Amino acid sequence: MTKRIVATAALLGALSPLAAAAQSTPATVYCVNNRIMVERATMSQMQSGRGHSEICIIGPSFDFQPDGVTWVRQNLRSDVGGNCRCR
């Protein structure tokens, strides 16, 4: 039983830096193929996963992703998934 607890603790300790790294990337407001998105990905990550999609940044970045969703509602008067346009 003790070995199992130690192994579980070691596994969780190994995963902690990965979770921290994922949270360190800010959530940015993007327009992707004319749809609003709030994603924790860099522009290069967004482009690499979407081929020839039209992608642009249309808002600020946020440490807390729900803040980005709130910003979209308050400033773009739309929801995530709503229409947008890259200029």
PDB file of N, CA and C in Angstrom:
ATOM      1  N   MET A   1       0.817  -1.186   0.000  1.00  0.00           N
ATOM      2  CA  MET A   1       0.000   0.000   0.000  1.00  0.00           C
ATOM      3  C   MET A   1       0.868   1.259   0.000  1.00  0.00           C
ATOM      4  N   THR A   2       1.905   1.278   0.837  1.00  0.00           N
ATOM      5  CA  THR A   2       2.781   2.441   0.921  1.00  0.00           C
ATOM      6  C   THR A   2       3.512   2.664  -0.393  1.00  0.00           C
ATOM      7  N   LYS A   3       3.929   1.571  -1.039  1.00  0.00           N
ATOM      8  CA  LYS A   3       4.612   1.701  -2.334  1.00  0.00           C
ATOM      9  C   LYS A   3       3.687   2.336  -3.360  1.00  0.00           C
ATOM     10  N   ARG A   4       2.421   1.983  -3.320  1.00  0.00           N
ATOM     11  CA  ARG A   4       1.451   2.536  -4.268  1.00  0.00           C
ATOM     12  C   ARG A   4       1.267   4.037  -4.037  1.00  0.00           C
ATOM     13  N   ILE A   5       1.239   4.455  -2.787  1.00  0.00           N
ATOM     14  CA  ILE A   5       1.098   5.876  -2.463  1.00  0.00           C
ATOM     15  C   ILE A   5       2.334   6.639  -2.926  1.00  0.00           C
ATOM     16  N   VAL A   6       3.501   6.091  -2.689  1.00  0.00           N
ATOM     17  CA  VAL A   6       4.746   6.736  -3.110  1.00  0.00           C
ATOM     18  C   VAL A   6       4.798   6.837  -4.634  1.00  0.00           C
ATOM     19  N   ALA A   7       4.404   5.802  -5.318  1.00  0.00           N
ATOM     20  CA  ALA A   7       4.400   5.821  -6.781  1.00  0.00           C
ATOM     21  C   ALA A   7       3.416   6.857  -7.313  1.00  0.00           C
ATOM     22  N   THR A   8       2.248   6.942  -6.706  1.00  0.00           N
ATOM     23  CA  THR A   8       1.253   7.933  -7.122  1.00  0.00           C
ATOM     24  C   THR A   8       1.775   9.346  -6.875  1.00  0.00           C
ATOM     25  N   ALA A   9       2.401   9.580  -5.743  1.00  0.00           N
ATOM     26  CA  ALA A   9       2.959  10.898  -5.428  1.00  0.00           C
ATOM     27  C   ALA A   9       4.059  11.270  -6.417  1.00  0.00           C
ATOM     28  N   ALA A  10       4.890  10.306  -6.776  1.00  0.00           N
ATOM     29  CA  ALA A  10       5.960  10.562  -7.741  1.00  0.00           C
ATOM     30  C   ALA A  10       5.389  10.908  -9.112  1.00  0.00           C
ATOM     31  N   LEU A  11       4.342  10.205  -9.516  1.00  0.00           N
ATOM     32  CA  LEU A  11       3.702  10.482 -10.806  1.00  0.00           C
ATOM     33  C   LEU A  11       3.090  11.877 -10.817  1.00  0.00           C
ATOM     34  N   LEU A  12       2.388  12.245  -9.765  1.00  0.00           N
ATOM     35  CA  LEU A  12       1.787  13.575  -9.681  1.00  0.00           C
ATOM     36  C   LEU A  12       2.859  14.663  -9.663  1.00  0.00           C
ATOM     37  N   GLY A  13       3.943  14.409  -8.986  1.00  0.00           N
ATOM     38  CA  GLY A  13       5.055  15.364  -8.959  1.00  0.00           C
ATOM     39  C   GLY A  13       5.674  15.553 -10.336  1.00  0.00           C
ATOM     40  N   ALA A  14       5.742  14.484 -11.109  1.00  0.00           N
ATOM     41  CA  ALA A  14       6.294  14.570 -12.463  1.00  0.00           C
ATOM     42  C   ALA A  14       5.362  15.329 -13.397  1.00  0.00           C
ATOM     43  N   LEU A  15       4.061  15.237 -13.180  1.00  0.00           N
ATOM     44  CA  LEU A  15       3.090  15.913 -14.045  1.00  0.00           C
ATOM     45  C   LEU A  15       2.904  17.386 -13.700  1.00  0.00           C
ATOM     46  N   SER A  16       3.235  17.796 -12.498  1.00  0.00           N
ATOM     47  CA  SER A  16       3.030  19.178 -12.064  1.00  0.00           C
ATOM     48  C   SER A  16       3.701  20.206 -12.963  1.00  0.00           C
ATOM     49  N   PRO A  17       4.950  20.026 -13.382  1.00  0.00           N
ATOM     50  CA  PRO A  17       5.554  21.019 -14.277  1.00  0.00           C
ATOM     51  C   PRO A  17       4.805  21.130 -15.610  1.00  0.00           C
ATOM     52  N   LEU A  18       4.257  20.021 -16.096  1.00  0.00           N
ATOM     53  CA  LEU A  18       3.505  20.081 -17.346  1.00  0.00           C
ATOM     54  C   LEU A  18       2.244  20.908 -17.183  1.00  0.00           C
ATOM     55  N   ALA A  19       1.557  20.733 -16.082  1.00  0.00           N
ATOM     56  CA  ALA A  19       0.353  21.516 -15.829  1.00  0.00           C
ATOM     57  C   ALA A  19       0.700  22.988 -15.646  1.00  0.00           C
ATOM     58  N   ALA A  20       1.784  23.269 -14.979  1.00  0.00           N
ATOM     59  CA  ALA A  20       2.201  24.661 -14.779  1.00  0.00           C
ATOM     60  C   ALA A  20       2.582  25.302 -16.107  1.00  0.00           C
ATOM     61  N   ALA A  21       3.250  24.559 -16.979  1.00  0.00           N
ATOM     62  CA  ALA A  21       3.632  25.096 -18.284  1.00  0.00           C
ATOM     63  C   ALA A  21       2.408  25.393 -19.128  1.00  0.00           C
ATOM     64  N   ALA A  22       1.402  24.541 -19.059  1.00  0.00           N
ATOM     65  CA  ALA A  22       0.187  24.762 -19.835  1.00  0.00           C
ATOM     66  C   ALA A  22      -0.527  26.013 -19.351  1.00  0.00           C
ATOM     67  N   GLN A  23      -0.495  26.286 -18.059  1.00  0.00           N
ATOM     68  CA  GLN A  23      -1.154  27.454 -17.508  1.00  0.00           C
ATOM     69  C   GLN A  23      -0.350  28.727 -17.737  1.00  0.00           C
ATOM     70  N   SER A  24       0.950  28.622 -18.043  1.00  0.00           N
ATOM     71  CA  SER A  24       1.768  29.813 -18.224  1.00  0.00           C
ATOM     72  C   SER A  24       1.521  30.494 -19.564  1.00  0.00           C
ATOM     73  N   THR A  25       0.964  29.794 -20.536  1.00  0.00           N
ATOM     74  CA  THR A  25       0.632  30.400 -21.817  1.00  0.00           C
ATOM     75  C   THR A  25      -0.671  31.161 -21.661  1.00  0.00           C
ATOM     76  N   PRO A  26      -0.658  32.455 -21.985  1.00  0.00           N
ATOM     77  CA  PRO A  26      -1.896  33.219 -21.808  1.00  0.00           C
ATOM     78  C   PRO A  26      -2.971  32.806 -22.817  1.00  0.00           C
ATOM     79  N   ALA A  27      -4.207  33.012 -22.449  1.00  0.00           N
ATOM     80  CA  ALA A  27      -5.336  32.769 -23.344  1.00  0.00           C
ATOM     81  C   ALA A  27      -5.523  34.021 -24.195  1.00  0.00           C
ATOM     82  N   THR A  28      -5.533  33.857 -25.499  1.00  0.00           N
ATOM     83  CA  THR A  28      -5.626  34.981 -26.432  1.00  0.00           C
ATOM     84  C   THR A  28      -6.925  34.890 -27.212  1.00  0.00           C
ATOM     85  N   VAL A  29      -7.470  36.055 -27.562  1.00  0.00           N
ATOM     86  CA  VAL A  29      -8.696  36.122 -28.349  1.00  0.00           C
ATOM     87  C   VAL A  29      -8.306  36.118 -29.830  1.00  0.00           C
ATOM     88  N   TYR A  30      -8.709  35.062 -30.526  1.00  0.00           N
ATOM     89  CA  TYR A  30      -8.394  34.875 -31.948  1.00  0.00           C
ATOM     90  C   TYR A  30      -9.656  34.907 -32.799  1.00  0.00           C
ATOM     91  N   CYS A  31      -9.464  35.190 -34.080  1.00  0.00           N
ATOM     92  CA  CYS A  31     -10.485  34.962 -35.093  1.00  0.00           C
ATOM     93  C   CYS A  31      -9.922  33.870 -36.001  1.00  0.00           C
ATOM     94  N   VAL A  32     -10.609  32.750 -36.065  1.00  0.00           N
ATOM     95  CA  VAL A  32     -10.158  31.610 -36.865  1.00  0.00           C
ATOM     96  C   VAL A  32     -11.282  31.232 -37.814  1.00  0.00           C
ATOM     97  N   ASN A  33     -11.010  31.386 -39.109  1.00  0.00           N
ATOM     98  CA  ASN A  33     -12.030  31.091 -40.131  1.00  0.00           C
ATOM     99  C   ASN A  33     -13.360  31.766 -39.803  1.00  0.00           C
ATOM    100  N   ASN A  34     -13.274  33.055 -39.452  1.00  0.00           N
ATOM    101  CA  ASN A  34     -14.445  33.894 -39.178  1.00  0.00           C
ATOM    102  C   ASN A  34     -15.228  33.486 -37.939  1.00  0.00           C
ATOM    103  N   ARG A  35     -14.570  32.804 -36.980  1.00  0.00           N
ATOM    104  CA  ARG A  35     -15.198  32.419 -35.718  1.00  0.00           C
ATOM    105  C   ARG A  35     -14.298  32.860 -34.559  1.00  0.00           C
ATOM    106  N   ILE A  36     -14.911  33.403 -33.511  1.00  0.00           N
ATOM    107  CA  ILE A  36     -14.173  33.870 -32.338  1.00  0.00           C
ATOM    108  C   ILE A  36     -13.763  32.673 -31.481  1.00  0.00           C
ATOM    109  N   MET A  37     -12.491  32.687 -31.063  1.00  0.00           N
ATOM    110  CA  MET A  37     -11.957  31.647 -30.190  1.00  0.00           C
ATOM    111  C   MET A  37     -11.118  32.295 -29.096  1.00  0.00           C
ATOM    112  N   VAL A  38     -11.112  31.718 -27.908  1.00  0.00           N
ATOM    113  CA  VAL A  38     -10.209  32.121 -26.832  1.00  0.00           C
ATOM    114  C   VAL A  38      -9.391  30.880 -26.513  1.00  0.00           C
ATOM    115  N   GLU A  39      -8.116  30.913 -26.878  1.00  0.00           N
ATOM    116  CA  GLU A  39      -7.279  29.712 -26.779  1.00  0.00           C
ATOM    117  C   GLU A  39      -5.963  29.993 -26.072  1.00  0.00           C
ATOM    118  N   ARG A  40      -5.470  28.993 -25.348  1.00  0.00           N
ATOM    119  CA  ARG A  40      -4.143  29.031 -24.723  1.00  0.00           C
ATOM    120  C   ARG A  40      -3.134  28.428 -25.693  1.00  0.00           C
ATOM    121  N   ALA A  41      -2.912  29.118 -26.784  1.00  0.00           N
ATOM    122  CA  ALA A  41      -1.952  28.662 -27.783  1.00  0.00           C
ATOM    123  C   ALA A  41      -1.318  29.885 -28.415  1.00  0.00           C
ATOM    124  N   THR A  42      -0.072  29.744 -28.830  1.00  0.00           N
ATOM    125  CA  THR A  42       0.597  30.836 -29.537  1.00  0.00           C
ATOM    126  C   THR A  42       0.081  30.888 -30.969  1.00  0.00           C
ATOM    127  N   MET A  43       0.361  31.978 -31.647  1.00  0.00           N
ATOM    128  CA  MET A  43      -0.053  32.111 -33.043  1.00  0.00           C
ATOM    129  C   MET A  43       0.547  30.989 -33.885  1.00  0.00           C
ATOM    130  N   SER A  44       1.806  30.654 -33.664  1.00  0.00           N
ATOM    131  CA  SER A  44       2.428  29.586 -34.457  1.00  0.00           C
ATOM    132  C   SER A  44       1.773  28.230 -34.181  1.00  0.00           C
ATOM    133  N   GLN A  45       1.379  27.973 -32.944  1.00  0.00           N
ATOM    134  CA  GLN A  45       0.672  26.734 -32.626  1.00  0.00           C
ATOM    135  C   GLN A  45      -0.694  26.703 -33.300  1.00  0.00           C
ATOM    136  N   MET A  46      -1.371  27.823 -33.307  1.00  0.00           N
ATOM    137  CA  MET A  46      -2.682  27.905 -33.958  1.00  0.00           C
ATOM    138  C   MET A  46      -2.539  27.639 -35.463  1.00  0.00           C
ATOM    139  N   GLN A  47      -1.538  28.237 -36.066  1.00  0.00           N
ATOM    140  CA  GLN A  47      -1.348  28.073 -37.510  1.00  0.00           C
ATOM    141  C   GLN A  47      -0.903  26.662 -37.876  1.00  0.00           C
ATOM    142  N   SER A  48      -0.044  26.059 -37.067  1.00  0.00           N
ATOM    143  CA  SER A  48       0.469  24.735 -37.417  1.00  0.00           C
ATOM    144  C   SER A  48      -0.620  23.669 -37.373  1.00  0.00           C
ATOM    145  N   GLY A  49      -1.599  23.848 -36.540  1.00  0.00           N
ATOM    146  CA  GLY A  49      -2.661  22.860 -36.429  1.00  0.00           C
ATOM    147  C   GLY A  49      -3.825  23.080 -37.375  1.00  0.00           C
ATOM    148  N   ARG A  50      -3.766  24.173 -38.157  1.00  0.00           N
ATOM    149  CA  ARG A  50      -4.929  24.496 -38.976  1.00  0.00           C
ATOM    150  C   ARG A  50      -4.604  24.743 -40.445  1.00  0.00           C
ATOM    151  N   GLY A  51      -3.422  24.428 -40.885  1.00  0.00           N
ATOM    152  CA  GLY A  51      -3.086  24.543 -42.305  1.00  0.00           C
ATOM    153  C   GLY A  51      -3.247  25.946 -42.845  1.00  0.00           C
ATOM    154  N   HIS A  52      -4.130  26.115 -43.799  1.00  0.00           N
ATOM    155  CA  HIS A  52      -4.285  27.391 -44.487  1.00  0.00           C
ATOM    156  C   HIS A  52      -5.444  28.223 -43.940  1.00  0.00           C
ATOM    157  N   SER A  53      -5.833  28.001 -42.728  1.00  0.00           N
ATOM    158  CA  SER A  53      -6.927  28.767 -42.129  1.00  0.00           C
ATOM    159  C   SER A  53      -6.533  30.227 -41.993  1.00  0.00           C
ATOM    160  N   GLU A  54      -7.532  31.106 -42.064  1.00  0.00           N
ATOM    161  CA  GLU A  54      -7.302  32.515 -41.804  1.00  0.00           C
ATOM    162  C   GLU A  54      -7.361  32.721 -40.297  1.00  0.00           C
ATOM    163  N   ILE A  55      -6.252  33.174 -39.706  1.00  0.00           N
ATOM    164  CA  ILE A  55      -6.148  33.333 -38.258  1.00  0.00           C
ATOM    165  C   ILE A  55      -5.557  34.700 -37.955  1.00  0.00           C
ATOM    166  N   CYS A  56      -6.179  35.416 -37.015  1.00  0.00           N
ATOM    167  CA  CYS A  56      -5.613  36.677 -36.543  1.00  0.00           C
ATOM    168  C   CYS A  56      -5.997  36.868 -35.075  1.00  0.00           C
ATOM    169  N   ILE A  57      -5.241  37.712 -34.408  1.00  0.00           N
ATOM    170  CA  ILE A  57      -5.531  38.057 -33.022  1.00  0.00           C
ATOM    171  C   ILE A  57      -6.456  39.267 -33.043  1.00  0.00           C
ATOM    172  N   ILE A  58      -7.594  39.167 -32.343  1.00  0.00           N
ATOM    173  CA  ILE A  58      -8.565  40.253 -32.360  1.00  0.00           C
ATOM    174  C   ILE A  58      -8.813  40.844 -30.975  1.00  0.00           C
ATOM    175  N   GLY A  59      -8.056  40.401 -29.987  1.00  0.00           N
ATOM    176  CA  GLY A  59      -8.232  40.918 -28.640  1.00  0.00           C
ATOM    177  C   GLY A  59      -7.001  40.669 -27.801  1.00  0.00           C
ATOM    178  N   PRO A  60      -7.064  41.078 -26.550  1.00  0.00           N
ATOM    179  CA  PRO A  60      -5.912  40.917 -25.649  1.00  0.00           C
ATOM    180  C   PRO A  60      -5.748  39.482 -25.168  1.00  0.00           C
ATOM    181  N   SER A  61      -4.684  39.274 -24.401  1.00  0.00           N
ATOM    182  CA  SER A  61      -4.409  37.982 -23.776  1.00  0.00           C
ATOM    183  C   SER A  61      -4.761  38.055 -22.298  1.00  0.00           C
ATOM    184  N   PHE A  62      -5.106  36.909 -21.733  1.00  0.00           N
ATOM    185  CA  PHE A  62      -5.551  36.834 -20.348  1.00  0.00           C
ATOM    186  C   PHE A  62      -4.889  35.651 -19.650  1.00  0.00           C
ATOM    187  N   ASP A  63      -4.580  35.833 -18.363  1.00  0.00           N
ATOM    188  CA  ASP A  63      -4.029  34.732 -17.571  1.00  0.00           C
ATOM    189  C   ASP A  63      -5.088  33.686 -17.282  1.00  0.00           C
ATOM    190  N   PHE A  64      -6.335  34.109 -17.193  1.00  0.00           N
ATOM    191  CA  PHE A  64      -7.446  33.238 -16.838  1.00  0.00           C
ATOM    192  C   PHE A  64      -8.400  33.195 -18.039  1.00  0.00           C
ATOM    193  N   GLN A  65      -8.513  32.034 -18.680  1.00  0.00           N
ATOM    194  CA  GLN A  65      -9.274  31.911 -19.925  1.00  0.00           C
ATOM    195  C   GLN A  65     -10.714  32.434 -19.829  1.00  0.00           C
ATOM    196  N   PRO A  66     -11.453  32.192 -18.743  1.00  0.00           N
ATOM    197  CA  PRO A  66     -12.807  32.748 -18.660  1.00  0.00           C
ATOM    198  C   PRO A  66     -12.842  34.286 -18.739  1.00  0.00           C
ATOM    199  N   ASP A  67     -11.746  34.951 -18.346  1.00  0.00           N
ATOM    200  CA  ASP A  67     -11.686  36.407 -18.495  1.00  0.00           C
ATOM    201  C   ASP A  67     -11.717  36.789 -19.972  1.00  0.00           C
ATOM    202  N   GLY A  68     -11.106  35.972 -20.815  1.00  0.00           N
ATOM    203  CA  GLY A  68     -11.146  36.210 -22.258  1.00  0.00           C
ATOM    204  C   GLY A  68     -12.559  36.067 -22.805  1.00  0.00           C
ATOM    205  N   VAL A  69     -13.278  35.083 -22.309  1.00  0.00           N
ATOM    206  CA  VAL A  69     -14.672  34.873 -22.737  1.00  0.00           C
ATOM    207  C   VAL A  69     -15.519  36.072 -22.318  1.00  0.00           C
ATOM    208  N   THR A  70     -15.318  36.554 -21.099  1.00  0.00           N
ATOM    209  CA  THR A  70     -16.040  37.730 -20.618  1.00  0.00           C
ATOM    210  C   THR A  70     -15.704  38.945 -21.473  1.00  0.00           C
ATOM    211  N   TRP A  71     -14.420  39.118 -21.821  1.00  0.00           N
ATOM    212  CA  TRP A  71     -14.005  40.237 -22.660  1.00  0.00           C
ATOM    213  C   TRP A  71     -14.712  40.191 -24.015  1.00  0.00           C
ATOM    214  N   VAL A  72     -14.807  39.004 -24.600  1.00  0.00           N
ATOM    215  CA  VAL A  72     -15.496  38.851 -25.888  1.00  0.00           C
ATOM    216  C   VAL A  72     -16.946  39.323 -25.758  1.00  0.00           C
ATOM    217  N   ARG A  73     -17.616  38.885 -24.729  1.00  0.00           N
ATOM    218  CA  ARG A  73     -19.030  39.259 -24.539  1.00  0.00           C
ATOM    219  C   ARG A  73     -19.190  40.766 -24.333  1.00  0.00           C
ATOM    220  N   GLN A  74     -18.304  41.359 -23.545  1.00  0.00           N
ATOM    221  CA  GLN A  74     -18.442  42.776 -23.224  1.00  0.00           C
ATOM    222  C   GLN A  74     -17.970  43.700 -24.339  1.00  0.00           C
ATOM    223  N   ASN A  75     -16.920  43.306 -25.057  1.00  0.00           N
ATOM    224  CA  ASN A  75     -16.315  44.206 -26.031  1.00  0.00           C
ATOM    225  C   ASN A  75     -16.685  43.910 -27.474  1.00  0.00           C
ATOM    226  N   LEU A  76     -16.925  42.663 -27.787  1.00  0.00           N
ATOM    227  CA  LEU A  76     -17.304  42.309 -29.155  1.00  0.00           C
ATOM    228  C   LEU A  76     -18.806  42.090 -29.274  1.00  0.00           C
ATOM    229  N   ARG A  77     -19.474  42.097 -28.132  1.00  0.00           N
ATOM    230  CA  ARG A  77     -20.932  41.885 -28.079  1.00  0.00           C
ATOM    231  C   ARG A  77     -21.327  40.620 -28.848  1.00  0.00           C
ATOM    232  N   SER A  78     -20.577  39.586 -28.563  1.00  0.00           N
ATOM    233  CA  SER A  78     -20.778  38.281 -29.203  1.00  0.00           C
ATOM    234  C   SER A  78     -20.346  37.220 -28.196  1.00  0.00           C
ATOM    235  N   ASP A  79     -20.411  35.975 -28.602  1.00  0.00           N
ATOM    236  CA  ASP A  79     -19.934  34.867 -27.797  1.00  0.00           C
ATOM    237  C   ASP A  79     -18.797  34.167 -28.534  1.00  0.00           C
ATOM    238  N   VAL A  80     -18.034  33.365 -27.796  1.00  0.00           N
ATOM    239  CA  VAL A  80     -17.038  32.518 -28.435  1.00  0.00           C
ATOM    240  C   VAL A  80     -17.787  31.645 -29.448  1.00  0.00           C
ATOM    241  N   GLY A  81     -17.261  31.560 -30.653  1.00  0.00           N
ATOM    242  CA  GLY A  81     -17.931  30.843 -31.729  1.00  0.00           C
ATOM    243  C   GLY A  81     -18.705  31.778 -32.633  1.00  0.00           C
ATOM    244  N   GLY A  82     -18.858  33.033 -32.191  1.00  0.00           N
ATOM    245  CA  GLY A  82     -19.577  34.014 -32.999  1.00  0.00           C
ATOM    246  C   GLY A  82     -18.757  34.468 -34.196  1.00  0.00           C
ATOM    247  N   ASN A  83     -19.343  35.284 -35.011  1.00  0.00           N
ATOM    248  CA  ASN A  83     -18.697  35.763 -36.232  1.00  0.00           C
ATOM    249  C   ASN A  83     -17.624  36.802 -35.928  1.00  0.00           C
ATOM    250  N   CYS A  84     -16.563  36.781 -36.724  1.00  0.00           N
ATOM    251  CA  CYS A  84     -15.493  37.779 -36.666  1.00  0.00           C
ATOM    252  C   CYS A  84     -14.852  37.851 -38.046  1.00  0.00           C
ATOM    253  N   ARG A  85     -13.950  38.794 -38.201  1.00  0.00           N
ATOM    254  CA  ARG A  85     -13.298  38.944 -39.498  1.00  0.00           C
ATOM    255  C   ARG A  85     -11.868  39.442 -39.280  1.00  0.00           C
ATOM    256  N   CYS A  86     -10.909  38.824 -39.937  1.00  0.00           N
ATOM    257  CA  CYS A  86      -9.525  39.302 -39.939  1.00  0.00           C
ATOM    258  C   CYS A  86      -9.426  40.406 -40.992  1.00  0.00           C
ATOM    259  N   ARG A  87      -8.784  41.483 -40.627  1.00  0.00           N
ATOM    260  CA  ARG A  87      -8.672  42.625 -41.575  1.00  0.00           C
ATOM    261  C   ARG A  87      -7.298  42.743 -42.123  1.00  0.00           C
TER     262      ARG A  87
END
